[in-house]
Amino acid sequence: MSRNRELKYRAVTSFQRRIGNPLLKRLPTQTLLETTGRTSGLPRRTPVGGRLVGREFWFVSEYGERSQYVRNIRADSRVRVRVKGRWHTGTAHVLPGDDARARLRSLPRFNSAAVRIVGADLTTVRVDITD
């Protein structure tokens, strides 16, 4: 990874971890992804922007395999997603072969724009809702 991309990654993830995510998680309408920590075994909640389409929830990870929640999904694909205040149980699938930029065009505009701006390794994730 180039030096500029690495600096961008560190700046963005530091901001998200310390400021953005703690604030967004408190909003009752914010969509959240809950994974199980691969080391701790504790629930980990991350604000995401995506869309529920039938029994599938789609979103794009800005940093693909470097994202902690993607690593958690790889270790345990059972997740929960809170959409419009309601929790759904499901199984997450990381889809590196999907065209993430095209996928962003079908997802909420504001979040998609932010993901395009800050992202460096866009990766699509689909959650199959089971409840």
N, C-alpha and C. Protein backbone atom coordinates (compact mmCIF):
# COMPACT_ATOMS: atom_id res chain seq x y z
N MET A 1 0.85 -1.17 0.00
CA MET A 1 0.00 0.00 0.00
C MET A 1 0.91 1.24 0.00
N SER A 2 0.56 2.24 -0.81
CA SER A 2 1.38 3.44 -0.89
C SER A 2 1.33 4.21 0.43
N ARG A 3 2.31 5.05 0.60
CA ARG A 3 2.40 5.85 1.84
C ARG A 3 1.16 6.74 2.01
N ASN A 4 0.71 7.38 0.94
CA ASN A 4 -0.47 8.25 1.03
C ASN A 4 -1.73 7.45 1.40
N ARG A 5 -1.90 6.29 0.78
CA ARG A 5 -3.07 5.45 1.11
C ARG A 5 -3.02 4.99 2.55
N GLU A 6 -1.81 4.65 3.03
CA GLU A 6 -1.66 4.21 4.42
C GLU A 6 -1.98 5.34 5.38
N LEU A 7 -1.51 6.55 5.10
CA LEU A 7 -1.81 7.71 5.95
C LEU A 7 -3.31 8.00 5.96
N LYS A 8 -3.93 7.92 4.78
CA LYS A 8 -5.38 8.14 4.68
C LYS A 8 -6.13 7.10 5.51
N TYR A 9 -5.74 5.84 5.38
CA TYR A 9 -6.37 4.76 6.13
C TYR A 9 -6.27 5.02 7.63
N ARG A 10 -5.08 5.36 8.10
CA ARG A 10 -4.89 5.60 9.53
C ARG A 10 -5.71 6.79 10.03
N ALA A 11 -5.74 7.87 9.24
CA ALA A 11 -6.50 9.05 9.65
C ALA A 11 -7.99 8.76 9.70
N VAL A 12 -8.50 8.11 8.66
CA VAL A 12 -9.94 7.82 8.59
C VAL A 12 -10.35 6.85 9.69
N THR A 13 -9.61 5.76 9.86
CA THR A 13 -10.01 4.78 10.87
C THR A 13 -9.86 5.33 12.28
N SER A 14 -8.86 6.18 12.51
CA SER A 14 -8.71 6.79 13.82
C SER A 14 -9.90 7.71 14.12
N PHE A 15 -10.30 8.52 13.15
CA PHE A 15 -11.46 9.39 13.32
C PHE A 15 -12.72 8.57 13.56
N GLN A 16 -12.93 7.54 12.74
CA GLN A 16 -14.13 6.71 12.90
C GLN A 16 -14.16 6.04 14.27
N ARG A 17 -13.04 5.49 14.70
CA ARG A 17 -12.99 4.76 15.96
C ARG A 17 -13.22 5.67 17.17
N ARG A 18 -12.64 6.87 17.14
CA ARG A 18 -12.68 7.75 18.30
C ARG A 18 -13.85 8.73 18.32
N ILE A 19 -14.30 9.18 17.15
CA ILE A 19 -15.31 10.24 17.11
C ILE A 19 -16.58 9.80 16.36
N GLY A 20 -16.44 9.45 15.09
CA GLY A 20 -17.59 9.17 14.24
C GLY A 20 -18.46 8.03 14.73
N ASN A 21 -17.89 6.85 14.91
CA ASN A 21 -18.69 5.68 15.30
C ASN A 21 -19.35 5.83 16.67
N PRO A 22 -18.64 6.32 17.70
CA PRO A 22 -19.32 6.48 19.00
C PRO A 22 -20.53 7.41 18.93
N LEU A 23 -20.44 8.46 18.13
CA LEU A 23 -21.59 9.37 17.99
C LEU A 23 -22.71 8.73 17.19
N LEU A 24 -22.37 8.14 16.05
CA LEU A 24 -23.39 7.56 15.17
C LEU A 24 -24.13 6.40 15.83
N LYS A 25 -23.42 5.59 16.62
CA LYS A 25 -24.06 4.43 17.26
C LYS A 25 -25.20 4.84 18.19
N ARG A 26 -25.17 6.08 18.68
CA ARG A 26 -26.20 6.55 19.61
C ARG A 26 -27.47 7.00 18.91
N LEU A 27 -27.40 7.24 17.61
CA LEU A 27 -28.58 7.69 16.87
C LEU A 27 -29.55 6.54 16.68
N PRO A 28 -30.81 6.70 17.08
CA PRO A 28 -31.76 5.58 17.00
C PRO A 28 -32.08 5.14 15.57
N THR A 29 -31.87 6.01 14.59
CA THR A 29 -32.18 5.65 13.20
C THR A 29 -30.96 5.15 12.43
N GLN A 30 -29.78 5.19 13.05
CA GLN A 30 -28.56 4.76 12.37
C GLN A 30 -28.57 3.24 12.16
N THR A 31 -28.23 2.81 10.96
CA THR A 31 -28.11 1.38 10.69
C THR A 31 -26.81 0.88 11.32
N LEU A 32 -26.90 -0.23 12.03
CA LEU A 32 -25.74 -0.81 12.71
C LEU A 32 -25.53 -2.26 12.27
N LEU A 33 -24.27 -2.63 12.19
CA LEU A 33 -23.88 -4.01 11.97
C LEU A 33 -23.28 -4.51 13.27
N GLU A 34 -23.77 -5.63 13.76
CA GLU A 34 -23.21 -6.23 14.97
C GLU A 34 -22.54 -7.54 14.60
N THR A 35 -21.23 -7.60 14.85
CA THR A 35 -20.46 -8.82 14.64
C THR A 35 -19.99 -9.32 16.00
N THR A 36 -19.39 -10.50 16.02
CA THR A 36 -18.77 -11.02 17.23
C THR A 36 -17.27 -10.84 17.08
N GLY A 37 -16.65 -10.20 18.08
CA GLY A 37 -15.21 -9.98 18.05
C GLY A 37 -14.46 -11.31 17.93
N ARG A 38 -13.58 -11.38 16.96
CA ARG A 38 -12.89 -12.65 16.68
C ARG A 38 -11.93 -13.05 17.80
N THR A 39 -11.46 -12.09 18.59
CA THR A 39 -10.56 -12.40 19.69
C THR A 39 -11.30 -12.37 21.02
N SER A 40 -12.09 -11.31 21.22
CA SER A 40 -12.76 -11.13 22.51
C SER A 40 -14.03 -11.96 22.65
N GLY A 41 -14.70 -12.24 21.53
CA GLY A 41 -15.99 -12.92 21.59
C GLY A 41 -17.13 -11.99 21.98
N LEU A 42 -16.84 -10.70 22.12
CA LEU A 42 -17.85 -9.71 22.52
C LEU A 42 -18.55 -9.13 21.30
N PRO A 43 -19.79 -8.66 21.48
CA PRO A 43 -20.49 -8.02 20.37
C PRO A 43 -19.80 -6.71 20.00
N ARG A 44 -19.63 -6.48 18.69
CA ARG A 44 -19.01 -5.26 18.17
C ARG A 44 -19.99 -4.60 17.22
N ARG A 45 -20.36 -3.36 17.52
CA ARG A 45 -21.35 -2.66 16.69
C ARG A 45 -20.67 -1.55 15.90
N THR A 46 -20.97 -1.53 14.62
CA THR A 46 -20.38 -0.56 13.70
C THR A 46 -21.48 0.09 12.87
N PRO A 47 -21.50 1.42 12.80
CA PRO A 47 -22.45 2.09 11.91
C PRO A 47 -22.09 1.78 10.46
N VAL A 48 -23.08 1.46 9.68
CA VAL A 48 -22.88 1.20 8.25
C VAL A 48 -24.01 1.88 7.48
N GLY A 49 -23.78 2.08 6.22
CA GLY A 49 -24.82 2.60 5.34
C GLY A 49 -25.12 1.55 4.30
N GLY A 50 -26.31 1.13 4.22
CA GLY A 50 -26.66 0.10 3.26
C GLY A 50 -28.15 0.12 3.00
N ARG A 51 -28.60 -0.93 2.38
CA ARG A 51 -30.03 -1.00 2.02
C ARG A 51 -30.53 -2.42 2.17
N LEU A 52 -31.72 -2.53 2.75
CA LEU A 52 -32.42 -3.80 2.87
C LEU A 52 -33.21 -4.01 1.58
N VAL A 53 -32.93 -5.10 0.88
CA VAL A 53 -33.62 -5.44 -0.37
C VAL A 53 -34.22 -6.83 -0.17
N GLY A 54 -35.51 -6.86 0.07
CA GLY A 54 -36.14 -8.15 0.37
C GLY A 54 -35.57 -8.71 1.65
N ARG A 55 -34.98 -9.89 1.58
CA ARG A 55 -34.39 -10.55 2.76
C ARG A 55 -32.87 -10.47 2.74
N GLU A 56 -32.34 -9.46 2.04
CA GLU A 56 -30.89 -9.25 1.98
C GLU A 56 -30.57 -7.81 2.35
N PHE A 57 -29.50 -7.63 3.13
CA PHE A 57 -29.00 -6.29 3.44
C PHE A 57 -27.64 -6.15 2.77
N TRP A 58 -27.50 -5.09 1.95
CA TRP A 58 -26.29 -4.86 1.17
C TRP A 58 -25.57 -3.60 1.67
N PHE A 59 -24.24 -3.68 1.76
CA PHE A 59 -23.44 -2.50 2.05
C PHE A 59 -22.03 -2.71 1.51
N VAL A 60 -21.24 -1.63 1.51
CA VAL A 60 -19.88 -1.69 0.98
C VAL A 60 -18.91 -1.26 2.08
N SER A 61 -17.88 -2.07 2.30
CA SER A 61 -16.83 -1.76 3.25
C SER A 61 -15.77 -0.89 2.57
N GLU A 62 -15.37 0.20 3.22
CA GLU A 62 -14.37 1.10 2.63
C GLU A 62 -13.00 0.45 2.50
N TYR A 63 -12.64 -0.40 3.43
CA TYR A 63 -11.29 -0.95 3.46
C TYR A 63 -11.25 -2.47 3.35
N GLY A 64 -12.30 -3.07 2.87
CA GLY A 64 -12.30 -4.50 2.59
C GLY A 64 -11.75 -5.34 3.71
N GLU A 65 -10.78 -6.16 3.39
CA GLU A 65 -10.21 -7.10 4.35
C GLU A 65 -9.50 -6.43 5.53
N ARG A 66 -9.18 -5.16 5.42
CA ARG A 66 -8.55 -4.44 6.53
C ARG A 66 -9.57 -3.99 7.57
N SER A 67 -10.85 -3.94 7.21
CA SER A 67 -11.88 -3.53 8.15
C SER A 67 -12.04 -4.57 9.25
N GLN A 68 -12.10 -4.10 10.48
CA GLN A 68 -12.22 -5.03 11.60
C GLN A 68 -13.50 -5.86 11.51
N TYR A 69 -14.59 -5.25 11.07
CA TYR A 69 -15.84 -6.02 10.99
C TYR A 69 -15.78 -7.06 9.88
N VAL A 70 -15.02 -6.81 8.82
CA VAL A 70 -14.85 -7.84 7.78
C VAL A 70 -14.04 -8.99 8.34
N ARG A 71 -13.01 -8.69 9.11
CA ARG A 71 -12.22 -9.76 9.75
C ARG A 71 -13.09 -10.56 10.71
N ASN A 72 -13.96 -9.86 11.45
CA ASN A 72 -14.88 -10.56 12.35
C ASN A 72 -15.85 -11.45 11.58
N ILE A 73 -16.35 -10.97 10.45
CA ILE A 73 -17.26 -11.77 9.62
C ILE A 73 -16.55 -13.01 9.11
N ARG A 74 -15.31 -12.86 8.70
CA ARG A 74 -14.54 -14.02 8.22
C ARG A 74 -14.42 -15.08 9.32
N ALA A 75 -14.29 -14.65 10.58
CA ALA A 75 -14.16 -15.58 11.70
C ALA A 75 -15.51 -16.18 12.11
N ASP A 76 -16.58 -15.39 12.01
CA ASP A 76 -17.92 -15.84 12.40
C ASP A 76 -18.93 -15.03 11.59
N SER A 77 -19.57 -15.67 10.64
CA SER A 77 -20.44 -14.96 9.71
C SER A 77 -21.83 -14.64 10.28
N ARG A 78 -22.12 -15.11 11.49
CA ARG A 78 -23.41 -14.79 12.10
C ARG A 78 -23.37 -13.35 12.59
N VAL A 79 -24.32 -12.54 12.12
CA VAL A 79 -24.36 -11.13 12.46
C VAL A 79 -25.79 -10.70 12.78
N ARG A 80 -25.89 -9.46 13.27
CA ARG A 80 -27.19 -8.81 13.38
C ARG A 80 -27.06 -7.45 12.71
N VAL A 81 -28.17 -6.98 12.14
CA VAL A 81 -28.21 -5.67 11.50
C VAL A 81 -29.42 -4.93 12.04
N ARG A 82 -29.20 -3.68 12.48
CA ARG A 82 -30.32 -2.84 12.92
C ARG A 82 -30.67 -1.89 11.79
N VAL A 83 -31.88 -2.05 11.25
CA VAL A 83 -32.37 -1.21 10.16
C VAL A 83 -33.66 -0.55 10.64
N LYS A 84 -33.70 0.77 10.59
CA LYS A 84 -34.87 1.54 11.02
C LYS A 84 -35.32 1.13 12.43
N GLY A 85 -34.34 0.93 13.31
CA GLY A 85 -34.63 0.63 14.71
C GLY A 85 -34.96 -0.81 15.02
N ARG A 86 -35.00 -1.69 14.01
CA ARG A 86 -35.35 -3.10 14.23
C ARG A 86 -34.14 -3.99 13.94
N TRP A 87 -33.86 -4.89 14.86
CA TRP A 87 -32.73 -5.81 14.71
C TRP A 87 -33.15 -7.03 13.88
N HIS A 88 -32.26 -7.44 12.98
CA HIS A 88 -32.45 -8.63 12.15
C HIS A 88 -31.22 -9.52 12.31
N THR A 89 -31.44 -10.81 12.43
CA THR A 89 -30.35 -11.78 12.50
C THR A 89 -30.07 -12.27 11.09
N GLY A 90 -28.79 -12.53 10.81
CA GLY A 90 -28.46 -13.01 9.47
C GLY A 90 -27.07 -13.59 9.37
N THR A 91 -26.74 -13.98 8.15
CA THR A 91 -25.42 -14.52 7.83
C THR A 91 -24.78 -13.60 6.80
N ALA A 92 -23.58 -13.11 7.13
CA ALA A 92 -22.88 -12.17 6.25
C ALA A 92 -21.96 -12.89 5.29
N HIS A 93 -21.87 -12.34 4.09
CA HIS A 93 -20.99 -12.88 3.05
C HIS A 93 -20.18 -11.73 2.46
N VAL A 94 -18.86 -11.85 2.52
CA VAL A 94 -17.97 -10.87 1.91
C VAL A 94 -17.85 -11.26 0.45
N LEU A 95 -18.11 -10.31 -0.47
CA LEU A 95 -18.18 -10.61 -1.90
C LEU A 95 -17.12 -9.82 -2.68
N PRO A 96 -15.85 -10.24 -2.62
CA PRO A 96 -14.79 -9.48 -3.30
C PRO A 96 -14.96 -9.42 -4.82
N GLY A 97 -15.71 -10.35 -5.41
CA GLY A 97 -15.91 -10.36 -6.86
C GLY A 97 -17.00 -9.42 -7.34
N ASP A 98 -17.79 -8.88 -6.42
CA ASP A 98 -18.87 -7.97 -6.79
C ASP A 98 -18.28 -6.60 -7.13
N ASP A 99 -18.89 -5.88 -8.05
CA ASP A 99 -18.45 -4.54 -8.43
C ASP A 99 -18.95 -3.56 -7.36
N ALA A 100 -18.10 -3.24 -6.39
CA ALA A 100 -18.50 -2.42 -5.25
C ALA A 100 -18.89 -1.01 -5.68
N ARG A 101 -18.20 -0.44 -6.66
CA ARG A 101 -18.54 0.92 -7.12
C ARG A 101 -19.94 0.93 -7.75
N ALA A 102 -20.25 -0.08 -8.53
CA ALA A 102 -21.60 -0.18 -9.11
C ALA A 102 -22.62 -0.40 -8.00
N ARG A 103 -22.28 -1.21 -7.02
CA ARG A 103 -23.19 -1.48 -5.90
C ARG A 103 -23.51 -0.19 -5.15
N LEU A 104 -22.53 0.68 -4.97
CA LEU A 104 -22.75 1.94 -4.26
C LEU A 104 -23.83 2.79 -4.92
N ARG A 105 -23.98 2.67 -6.23
CA ARG A 105 -25.00 3.45 -6.93
C ARG A 105 -26.41 3.04 -6.53
N SER A 106 -26.57 1.83 -5.96
CA SER A 106 -27.90 1.37 -5.55
C SER A 106 -28.14 1.55 -4.04
N LEU A 107 -27.16 2.13 -3.35
CA LEU A 107 -27.25 2.30 -1.90
C LEU A 107 -27.47 3.78 -1.57
N PRO A 108 -27.80 4.12 -0.32
CA PRO A 108 -28.05 5.52 0.05
C PRO A 108 -26.92 6.45 -0.40
N ARG A 109 -27.30 7.56 -1.02
CA ARG A 109 -26.34 8.47 -1.67
C ARG A 109 -25.29 9.06 -0.74
N PHE A 110 -25.72 9.60 0.40
CA PHE A 110 -24.78 10.28 1.28
C PHE A 110 -23.68 9.33 1.75
N ASN A 111 -24.08 8.17 2.25
CA ASN A 111 -23.09 7.20 2.71
C ASN A 111 -22.22 6.71 1.55
N SER A 112 -22.83 6.47 0.40
CA SER A 112 -22.06 5.99 -0.76
C SER A 112 -21.00 7.00 -1.17
N ALA A 113 -21.34 8.28 -1.13
CA ALA A 113 -20.36 9.32 -1.47
C ALA A 113 -19.20 9.30 -0.47
N ALA A 114 -19.51 9.17 0.82
CA ALA A 114 -18.47 9.13 1.84
C ALA A 114 -17.57 7.90 1.66
N VAL A 115 -18.16 6.76 1.36
CA VAL A 115 -17.39 5.53 1.15
C VAL A 115 -16.45 5.70 -0.05
N ARG A 116 -16.95 6.29 -1.14
CA ARG A 116 -16.10 6.53 -2.31
C ARG A 116 -14.93 7.44 -1.99
N ILE A 117 -15.19 8.48 -1.19
CA ILE A 117 -14.15 9.47 -0.87
C ILE A 117 -13.07 8.88 0.03
N VAL A 118 -13.48 8.21 1.10
CA VAL A 118 -12.49 7.75 2.08
C VAL A 118 -11.98 6.34 1.81
N GLY A 119 -12.69 5.56 1.02
CA GLY A 119 -12.33 4.17 0.81
C GLY A 119 -11.12 3.96 -0.07
N ALA A 120 -10.46 2.84 0.15
CA ALA A 120 -9.28 2.50 -0.65
C ALA A 120 -9.36 1.08 -1.21
N ASP A 121 -10.18 0.24 -0.62
CA ASP A 121 -10.29 -1.15 -1.06
C ASP A 121 -11.75 -1.58 -0.90
N LEU A 122 -12.61 -0.99 -1.73
CA LEU A 122 -14.05 -1.21 -1.60
C LEU A 122 -14.41 -2.68 -1.80
N THR A 123 -15.22 -3.19 -0.88
CA THR A 123 -15.64 -4.59 -0.92
C THR A 123 -17.11 -4.69 -0.52
N THR A 124 -17.89 -5.38 -1.32
CA THR A 124 -19.32 -5.56 -1.05
C THR A 124 -19.53 -6.63 0.01
N VAL A 125 -20.52 -6.37 0.87
CA VAL A 125 -20.94 -7.36 1.87
C VAL A 125 -22.45 -7.51 1.76
N ARG A 126 -22.92 -8.75 1.76
CA ARG A 126 -24.34 -9.06 1.74
C ARG A 126 -24.67 -9.85 3.00
N VAL A 127 -25.77 -9.44 3.67
CA VAL A 127 -26.24 -10.18 4.84
C VAL A 127 -27.56 -10.81 4.45
N ASP A 128 -27.61 -12.13 4.51
CA ASP A 128 -28.86 -12.86 4.26
C ASP A 128 -29.62 -12.90 5.58
N ILE A 129 -30.78 -12.25 5.60
CA ILE A 129 -31.59 -12.16 6.82
C ILE A 129 -32.28 -13.51 7.06
N THR A 130 -32.14 -14.01 8.29
CA THR A 130 -32.69 -15.33 8.61
C THR A 130 -33.88 -15.29 9.56
N ASP A 131 -34.17 -14.13 10.16
CA ASP A 131 -35.30 -14.10 11.11
C ASP A 131 -36.56 -13.57 10.47
